[in-house]
N, C-alpha and C. Protein backbone atom coordinates (compact mmCIF):
# COMPACT_ATOMS: atom_id res chain seq x y z
N GLN A 1 -43.09 -10.97 -103.40
CA GLN A 1 -41.95 -11.73 -102.90
C GLN A 1 -42.42 -13.12 -102.49
N VAL A 2 -41.66 -14.11 -102.85
CA VAL A 2 -41.96 -15.51 -102.50
C VAL A 2 -40.83 -16.05 -101.66
N GLN A 3 -41.18 -16.70 -100.59
CA GLN A 3 -40.17 -17.39 -99.78
C GLN A 3 -40.37 -18.89 -99.92
N LEU A 4 -39.26 -19.58 -100.12
CA LEU A 4 -39.29 -21.03 -100.32
C LEU A 4 -38.52 -21.70 -99.18
N VAL A 5 -39.11 -22.72 -98.61
CA VAL A 5 -38.46 -23.46 -97.52
C VAL A 5 -38.45 -24.94 -97.88
N GLU A 6 -37.24 -25.48 -98.02
CA GLU A 6 -37.09 -26.91 -98.29
C GLU A 6 -37.01 -27.70 -96.99
N SER A 7 -37.42 -28.93 -97.07
CA SER A 7 -37.30 -29.84 -95.93
C SER A 7 -37.24 -31.26 -96.45
N GLY A 8 -36.87 -32.17 -95.55
CA GLY A 8 -36.88 -33.58 -95.90
C GLY A 8 -35.52 -34.17 -96.19
N GLY A 9 -34.48 -33.34 -96.19
CA GLY A 9 -33.15 -33.88 -96.42
C GLY A 9 -32.66 -34.67 -95.22
N GLY A 10 -31.54 -35.33 -95.40
CA GLY A 10 -30.96 -36.11 -94.32
C GLY A 10 -29.95 -37.09 -94.81
N LEU A 11 -29.62 -38.03 -93.95
CA LEU A 11 -28.65 -39.07 -94.26
C LEU A 11 -29.40 -40.37 -94.56
N VAL A 12 -29.05 -40.98 -95.66
CA VAL A 12 -29.71 -42.22 -96.06
C VAL A 12 -28.68 -43.15 -96.67
N GLN A 13 -28.89 -44.43 -96.55
CA GLN A 13 -27.99 -45.39 -97.16
C GLN A 13 -28.28 -45.52 -98.65
N ALA A 14 -27.28 -45.90 -99.38
CA ALA A 14 -27.45 -46.14 -100.81
C ALA A 14 -28.58 -47.15 -101.03
N GLY A 15 -29.41 -46.85 -102.02
CA GLY A 15 -30.57 -47.68 -102.31
C GLY A 15 -31.83 -47.21 -101.61
N GLY A 16 -31.68 -46.30 -100.68
CA GLY A 16 -32.83 -45.78 -99.94
C GLY A 16 -33.56 -44.68 -100.68
N SER A 17 -34.55 -44.12 -100.00
CA SER A 17 -35.39 -43.08 -100.59
C SER A 17 -35.53 -41.90 -99.65
N LEU A 18 -35.76 -40.77 -100.24
CA LEU A 18 -36.10 -39.56 -99.50
C LEU A 18 -37.12 -38.78 -100.32
N ARG A 19 -37.97 -38.05 -99.62
CA ARG A 19 -38.86 -37.13 -100.30
C ARG A 19 -38.61 -35.73 -99.76
N LEU A 20 -38.17 -34.87 -100.65
CA LEU A 20 -37.96 -33.47 -100.29
C LEU A 20 -39.24 -32.70 -100.56
N SER A 21 -39.46 -31.72 -99.71
CA SER A 21 -40.60 -30.82 -99.88
C SER A 21 -40.11 -29.39 -99.98
N CYS A 22 -40.82 -28.60 -100.69
CA CYS A 22 -40.52 -27.18 -100.77
C CYS A 22 -41.86 -26.45 -100.67
N THR A 23 -42.00 -25.69 -99.61
CA THR A 23 -43.23 -24.96 -99.36
C THR A 23 -43.01 -23.48 -99.61
N ALA A 24 -43.94 -22.89 -100.33
CA ALA A 24 -43.81 -21.49 -100.71
C ALA A 24 -44.81 -20.62 -99.96
N SER A 25 -44.38 -19.42 -99.66
CA SER A 25 -45.29 -18.45 -99.09
C SER A 25 -46.03 -17.76 -100.23
N GLY A 26 -47.07 -17.05 -99.90
CA GLY A 26 -47.77 -16.27 -100.91
C GLY A 26 -48.90 -17.02 -101.57
N ARG A 27 -49.72 -16.27 -102.27
CA ARG A 27 -50.93 -16.84 -102.86
C ARG A 27 -50.79 -17.10 -104.34
N THR A 28 -49.59 -16.92 -104.89
CA THR A 28 -49.42 -17.08 -106.33
C THR A 28 -48.65 -18.33 -106.69
N PHE A 29 -48.49 -19.23 -105.74
CA PHE A 29 -47.70 -20.44 -105.98
C PHE A 29 -48.21 -21.19 -107.19
N SER A 30 -49.52 -21.29 -107.33
CA SER A 30 -50.08 -22.11 -108.40
C SER A 30 -49.77 -21.56 -109.79
N SER A 31 -49.31 -20.35 -109.87
CA SER A 31 -48.99 -19.78 -111.16
C SER A 31 -47.50 -19.91 -111.51
N TYR A 32 -46.71 -20.46 -110.60
CA TYR A 32 -45.27 -20.56 -110.81
C TYR A 32 -44.85 -21.94 -111.30
N ASP A 33 -43.99 -21.95 -112.30
CA ASP A 33 -43.22 -23.15 -112.57
C ASP A 33 -42.24 -23.33 -111.40
N MET A 34 -41.96 -24.59 -111.07
CA MET A 34 -41.07 -24.88 -109.96
C MET A 34 -39.95 -25.80 -110.42
N GLY A 35 -38.79 -25.60 -109.84
CA GLY A 35 -37.66 -26.41 -110.22
C GLY A 35 -36.88 -26.91 -109.01
N TRP A 36 -36.12 -27.96 -109.24
CA TRP A 36 -35.19 -28.48 -108.24
C TRP A 36 -33.79 -28.48 -108.84
N PHE A 37 -32.85 -28.02 -108.06
CA PHE A 37 -31.44 -28.02 -108.42
C PHE A 37 -30.66 -28.66 -107.28
N ARG A 38 -29.43 -29.01 -107.58
CA ARG A 38 -28.56 -29.52 -106.53
C ARG A 38 -27.14 -29.06 -106.78
N GLN A 39 -26.40 -29.01 -105.70
CA GLN A 39 -24.99 -28.64 -105.80
C GLN A 39 -24.18 -29.51 -104.86
N ALA A 40 -23.31 -30.28 -105.44
CA ALA A 40 -22.41 -31.14 -104.67
C ALA A 40 -21.14 -30.36 -104.35
N PRO A 41 -20.41 -30.75 -103.33
CA PRO A 41 -19.18 -30.05 -102.96
C PRO A 41 -18.21 -30.00 -104.13
N GLY A 42 -17.73 -28.80 -104.41
CA GLY A 42 -16.74 -28.64 -105.47
C GLY A 42 -17.30 -28.70 -106.87
N LYS A 43 -18.62 -28.78 -106.98
CA LYS A 43 -19.24 -28.87 -108.31
C LYS A 43 -20.20 -27.71 -108.53
N GLU A 44 -20.52 -27.49 -109.79
CA GLU A 44 -21.46 -26.43 -110.11
C GLU A 44 -22.89 -26.89 -109.81
N ARG A 45 -23.73 -25.91 -109.62
CA ARG A 45 -25.15 -26.20 -109.44
C ARG A 45 -25.69 -26.91 -110.67
N GLU A 46 -26.55 -27.88 -110.43
CA GLU A 46 -27.05 -28.74 -111.50
C GLU A 46 -28.57 -28.81 -111.45
N PHE A 47 -29.19 -28.68 -112.61
CA PHE A 47 -30.63 -28.82 -112.71
C PHE A 47 -31.01 -30.28 -112.50
N VAL A 48 -31.97 -30.50 -111.63
CA VAL A 48 -32.47 -31.86 -111.39
C VAL A 48 -33.75 -32.09 -112.15
N GLY A 49 -34.66 -31.15 -112.05
CA GLY A 49 -35.92 -31.28 -112.77
C GLY A 49 -36.84 -30.12 -112.45
N GLY A 50 -37.95 -30.06 -113.18
CA GLY A 50 -38.90 -28.99 -112.97
C GLY A 50 -40.31 -29.44 -113.30
N ILE A 51 -41.25 -28.65 -112.86
CA ILE A 51 -42.66 -28.95 -113.12
C ILE A 51 -43.36 -27.65 -113.45
N ARG A 52 -44.19 -27.70 -114.48
CA ARG A 52 -44.92 -26.51 -114.88
C ARG A 52 -45.98 -26.14 -113.86
N TRP A 53 -46.46 -24.92 -113.93
CA TRP A 53 -47.42 -24.42 -112.95
C TRP A 53 -48.68 -25.29 -112.92
N SER A 54 -49.06 -25.83 -114.06
CA SER A 54 -50.27 -26.63 -114.15
C SER A 54 -50.07 -28.04 -113.63
N GLY A 55 -48.81 -28.43 -113.47
CA GLY A 55 -48.53 -29.78 -112.99
C GLY A 55 -48.58 -30.85 -114.06
N ASP A 56 -48.88 -30.46 -115.29
CA ASP A 56 -49.07 -31.45 -116.33
C ASP A 56 -47.83 -31.68 -117.18
N ASN A 57 -46.74 -31.08 -116.81
CA ASN A 57 -45.51 -31.27 -117.58
C ASN A 57 -44.33 -31.22 -116.64
N THR A 58 -43.53 -32.25 -116.69
CA THR A 58 -42.31 -32.27 -115.89
C THR A 58 -41.12 -32.54 -116.81
N ASP A 59 -39.98 -32.16 -116.35
CA ASP A 59 -38.75 -32.40 -117.11
C ASP A 59 -37.66 -32.69 -116.11
N TYR A 60 -36.72 -33.51 -116.52
CA TYR A 60 -35.65 -33.93 -115.62
C TYR A 60 -34.31 -33.78 -116.28
N LEU A 61 -33.29 -33.77 -115.43
CA LEU A 61 -31.94 -33.76 -115.94
C LEU A 61 -31.81 -34.84 -117.00
N ASP A 62 -31.32 -34.44 -118.13
CA ASP A 62 -31.30 -35.34 -119.27
C ASP A 62 -30.08 -36.25 -119.21
N SER A 63 -30.12 -37.12 -118.28
CA SER A 63 -29.05 -38.10 -118.19
C SER A 63 -29.59 -39.29 -117.41
N ASP A 64 -28.81 -40.31 -117.36
CA ASP A 64 -29.23 -41.49 -116.62
C ASP A 64 -29.11 -41.29 -115.12
N SER A 65 -28.59 -40.11 -114.74
CA SER A 65 -28.30 -39.95 -113.31
C SER A 65 -29.56 -39.81 -112.46
N VAL A 66 -30.65 -39.23 -113.02
CA VAL A 66 -31.84 -39.06 -112.19
C VAL A 66 -33.10 -39.63 -112.84
N LYS A 67 -33.11 -39.70 -114.15
CA LYS A 67 -34.33 -40.18 -114.81
C LYS A 67 -34.66 -41.58 -114.37
N GLY A 68 -35.92 -41.76 -114.07
CA GLY A 68 -36.38 -43.06 -113.62
C GLY A 68 -36.25 -43.26 -112.13
N ARG A 69 -35.50 -42.41 -111.47
CA ARG A 69 -35.33 -42.53 -110.02
C ARG A 69 -35.99 -41.38 -109.27
N PHE A 70 -36.03 -40.21 -109.89
CA PHE A 70 -36.58 -39.02 -109.24
C PHE A 70 -37.91 -38.64 -109.88
N THR A 71 -38.82 -38.18 -109.05
CA THR A 71 -40.12 -37.74 -109.54
C THR A 71 -40.51 -36.44 -108.85
N ILE A 72 -40.93 -35.48 -109.65
CA ILE A 72 -41.37 -34.20 -109.12
C ILE A 72 -42.89 -34.13 -109.21
N SER A 73 -43.50 -33.63 -108.16
CA SER A 73 -44.94 -33.43 -108.15
C SER A 73 -45.24 -32.17 -107.34
N ARG A 74 -46.49 -31.75 -107.39
CA ARG A 74 -46.85 -30.55 -106.65
C ARG A 74 -48.28 -30.65 -106.14
N GLU A 75 -48.52 -29.96 -105.05
CA GLU A 75 -49.87 -29.80 -104.50
C GLU A 75 -50.11 -28.30 -104.34
N ASN A 76 -50.78 -27.74 -105.29
CA ASN A 76 -50.99 -26.30 -105.26
C ASN A 76 -51.81 -25.86 -104.05
N ALA A 77 -52.70 -26.71 -103.60
CA ALA A 77 -53.51 -26.36 -102.44
C ALA A 77 -52.67 -26.22 -101.18
N LYS A 78 -51.50 -26.86 -101.19
CA LYS A 78 -50.59 -26.79 -100.04
C LYS A 78 -49.37 -25.92 -100.33
N ASN A 79 -49.35 -25.28 -101.49
CA ASN A 79 -48.20 -24.45 -101.87
C ASN A 79 -46.89 -25.23 -101.79
N THR A 80 -46.94 -26.49 -102.18
CA THR A 80 -45.78 -27.36 -101.97
C THR A 80 -45.45 -28.13 -103.24
N VAL A 81 -44.16 -28.23 -103.49
CA VAL A 81 -43.63 -29.08 -104.55
C VAL A 81 -42.75 -30.14 -103.90
N TYR A 82 -42.75 -31.32 -104.49
CA TYR A 82 -42.02 -32.45 -103.91
C TYR A 82 -40.99 -32.98 -104.89
N LEU A 83 -39.95 -33.57 -104.33
CA LEU A 83 -38.97 -34.31 -105.11
C LEU A 83 -38.83 -35.67 -104.44
N GLN A 84 -39.42 -36.67 -105.06
CA GLN A 84 -39.29 -38.03 -104.57
C GLN A 84 -38.04 -38.65 -105.17
N MET A 85 -37.14 -39.11 -104.33
CA MET A 85 -35.88 -39.66 -104.79
C MET A 85 -35.77 -41.11 -104.32
N ASN A 86 -35.68 -42.00 -105.28
CA ASN A 86 -35.57 -43.43 -104.99
C ASN A 86 -34.23 -43.97 -105.47
N SER A 87 -33.90 -45.13 -104.97
CA SER A 87 -32.64 -45.79 -105.36
C SER A 87 -31.47 -44.83 -105.29
N LEU A 88 -31.37 -44.16 -104.19
CA LEU A 88 -30.34 -43.13 -104.05
C LEU A 88 -28.94 -43.72 -104.11
N LYS A 89 -28.05 -42.91 -104.67
CA LYS A 89 -26.65 -43.30 -104.84
C LYS A 89 -25.77 -42.28 -104.12
N PRO A 90 -24.56 -42.68 -103.76
CA PRO A 90 -23.66 -41.72 -103.11
C PRO A 90 -23.44 -40.45 -103.94
N GLU A 91 -23.48 -40.58 -105.26
CA GLU A 91 -23.27 -39.40 -106.10
C GLU A 91 -24.47 -38.45 -106.10
N ASP A 92 -25.56 -38.83 -105.47
CA ASP A 92 -26.68 -37.91 -105.28
C ASP A 92 -26.47 -36.97 -104.10
N THR A 93 -25.40 -37.20 -103.35
CA THR A 93 -25.10 -36.34 -102.22
C THR A 93 -24.90 -34.90 -102.68
N ALA A 94 -25.66 -33.99 -102.10
CA ALA A 94 -25.61 -32.59 -102.51
C ALA A 94 -26.55 -31.79 -101.62
N VAL A 95 -26.44 -30.50 -101.75
CA VAL A 95 -27.48 -29.62 -101.21
C VAL A 95 -28.52 -29.44 -102.31
N TYR A 96 -29.76 -29.69 -101.96
CA TYR A 96 -30.84 -29.59 -102.93
C TYR A 96 -31.63 -28.30 -102.69
N TYR A 97 -31.85 -27.59 -103.78
CA TYR A 97 -32.53 -26.30 -103.72
C TYR A 97 -33.80 -26.35 -104.58
N CYS A 98 -34.84 -25.71 -104.11
CA CYS A 98 -35.97 -25.51 -104.99
C CYS A 98 -35.96 -24.06 -105.48
N ALA A 99 -36.54 -23.89 -106.64
CA ALA A 99 -36.59 -22.59 -107.28
C ALA A 99 -37.99 -22.36 -107.82
N ALA A 100 -38.37 -21.10 -107.90
CA ALA A 100 -39.70 -20.75 -108.37
C ALA A 100 -39.64 -19.63 -109.38
N ASP A 101 -40.65 -19.60 -110.23
CA ASP A 101 -40.85 -18.52 -111.18
C ASP A 101 -39.78 -18.49 -112.26
N TRP A 102 -39.89 -19.44 -113.16
CA TRP A 102 -39.02 -19.49 -114.33
C TRP A 102 -39.36 -18.31 -115.25
N ARG A 103 -38.33 -17.60 -115.66
CA ARG A 103 -38.55 -16.37 -116.43
C ARG A 103 -38.29 -16.55 -117.91
N GLY A 104 -38.19 -17.79 -118.34
CA GLY A 104 -37.94 -18.03 -119.75
C GLY A 104 -36.49 -18.40 -119.98
N GLY A 105 -36.19 -18.72 -121.22
CA GLY A 105 -34.84 -19.16 -121.53
C GLY A 105 -34.67 -20.63 -121.21
N ARG A 106 -33.45 -21.04 -121.04
CA ARG A 106 -33.18 -22.46 -120.77
C ARG A 106 -33.63 -22.82 -119.37
N TRP A 107 -34.47 -23.82 -119.29
CA TRP A 107 -35.07 -24.19 -118.02
C TRP A 107 -34.03 -24.66 -117.02
N TRP A 108 -32.97 -25.27 -117.53
CA TRP A 108 -31.97 -25.83 -116.63
C TRP A 108 -30.90 -24.82 -116.19
N ASN A 109 -31.06 -23.60 -116.65
CA ASN A 109 -30.14 -22.54 -116.25
C ASN A 109 -30.70 -21.86 -115.01
N GLY A 110 -30.01 -22.01 -113.91
CA GLY A 110 -30.49 -21.43 -112.65
C GLY A 110 -30.65 -19.93 -112.69
N ASP A 111 -29.94 -19.26 -113.58
CA ASP A 111 -30.05 -17.80 -113.67
C ASP A 111 -31.43 -17.37 -114.16
N ASN A 112 -32.20 -18.31 -114.71
CA ASN A 112 -33.51 -17.98 -115.24
C ASN A 112 -34.64 -18.21 -114.24
N TRP A 113 -34.27 -18.50 -113.01
CA TRP A 113 -35.26 -18.69 -111.94
C TRP A 113 -35.15 -17.55 -110.96
N ARG A 114 -36.32 -17.05 -110.54
CA ARG A 114 -36.32 -15.82 -109.76
C ARG A 114 -36.14 -16.05 -108.27
N TYR A 115 -36.78 -17.07 -107.72
CA TYR A 115 -36.77 -17.26 -106.25
C TYR A 115 -36.10 -18.59 -105.90
N TRP A 116 -35.40 -18.57 -104.78
CA TRP A 116 -34.66 -19.75 -104.33
C TRP A 116 -34.88 -20.01 -102.85
N GLY A 117 -34.87 -21.28 -102.51
CA GLY A 117 -34.87 -21.66 -101.11
C GLY A 117 -33.45 -21.69 -100.57
N GLN A 118 -33.34 -22.02 -99.29
CA GLN A 118 -32.03 -22.03 -98.65
C GLN A 118 -31.30 -23.35 -98.83
N GLY A 119 -32.00 -24.35 -99.28
CA GLY A 119 -31.37 -25.64 -99.54
C GLY A 119 -31.53 -26.60 -98.39
N THR A 120 -31.49 -27.89 -98.72
CA THR A 120 -31.51 -28.94 -97.72
C THR A 120 -30.47 -29.99 -98.10
N GLN A 121 -29.72 -30.44 -97.12
CA GLN A 121 -28.63 -31.36 -97.38
C GLN A 121 -29.14 -32.79 -97.52
N VAL A 122 -28.69 -33.44 -98.56
CA VAL A 122 -28.94 -34.87 -98.75
C VAL A 122 -27.59 -35.57 -98.80
N THR A 123 -27.42 -36.54 -97.93
CA THR A 123 -26.18 -37.31 -97.88
C THR A 123 -26.52 -38.78 -98.02
N VAL A 124 -25.90 -39.40 -99.01
CA VAL A 124 -26.14 -40.82 -99.27
C VAL A 124 -24.85 -41.58 -98.96
N SER A 125 -24.93 -42.48 -98.02
CA SER A 125 -23.75 -43.26 -97.64
C SER A 125 -23.70 -44.56 -98.43
N SER A 126 -22.48 -44.99 -98.67
CA SER A 126 -22.31 -46.24 -99.46
C SER A 126 -22.29 -47.46 -98.57
């Protein structure tokens, strides 16, 4: 069993930055692919990006909405994955979740991830 705890959310003005962290329990973190998702009010959960267990491959939501602004990284020694968010926009407002242990299939499908954190709220004011 893996427990994931997100932190780093908050209120920020448009154009600002936040870095979210997700820390995992257990000794197998380094073997897990990790992902970030978000869910805005009234909208479906959306894949933001992911990073392979080795850290050498990342993928992001395939749209102009996050590419070039968000960066995912990980520190296996700290059992932590990060989501650096720059140039934030009001439409980035959402609860952000980290996920662990991709089980195959479409990476951006949340049903293919085994473990989830409780989420952290990000609010971007205009």
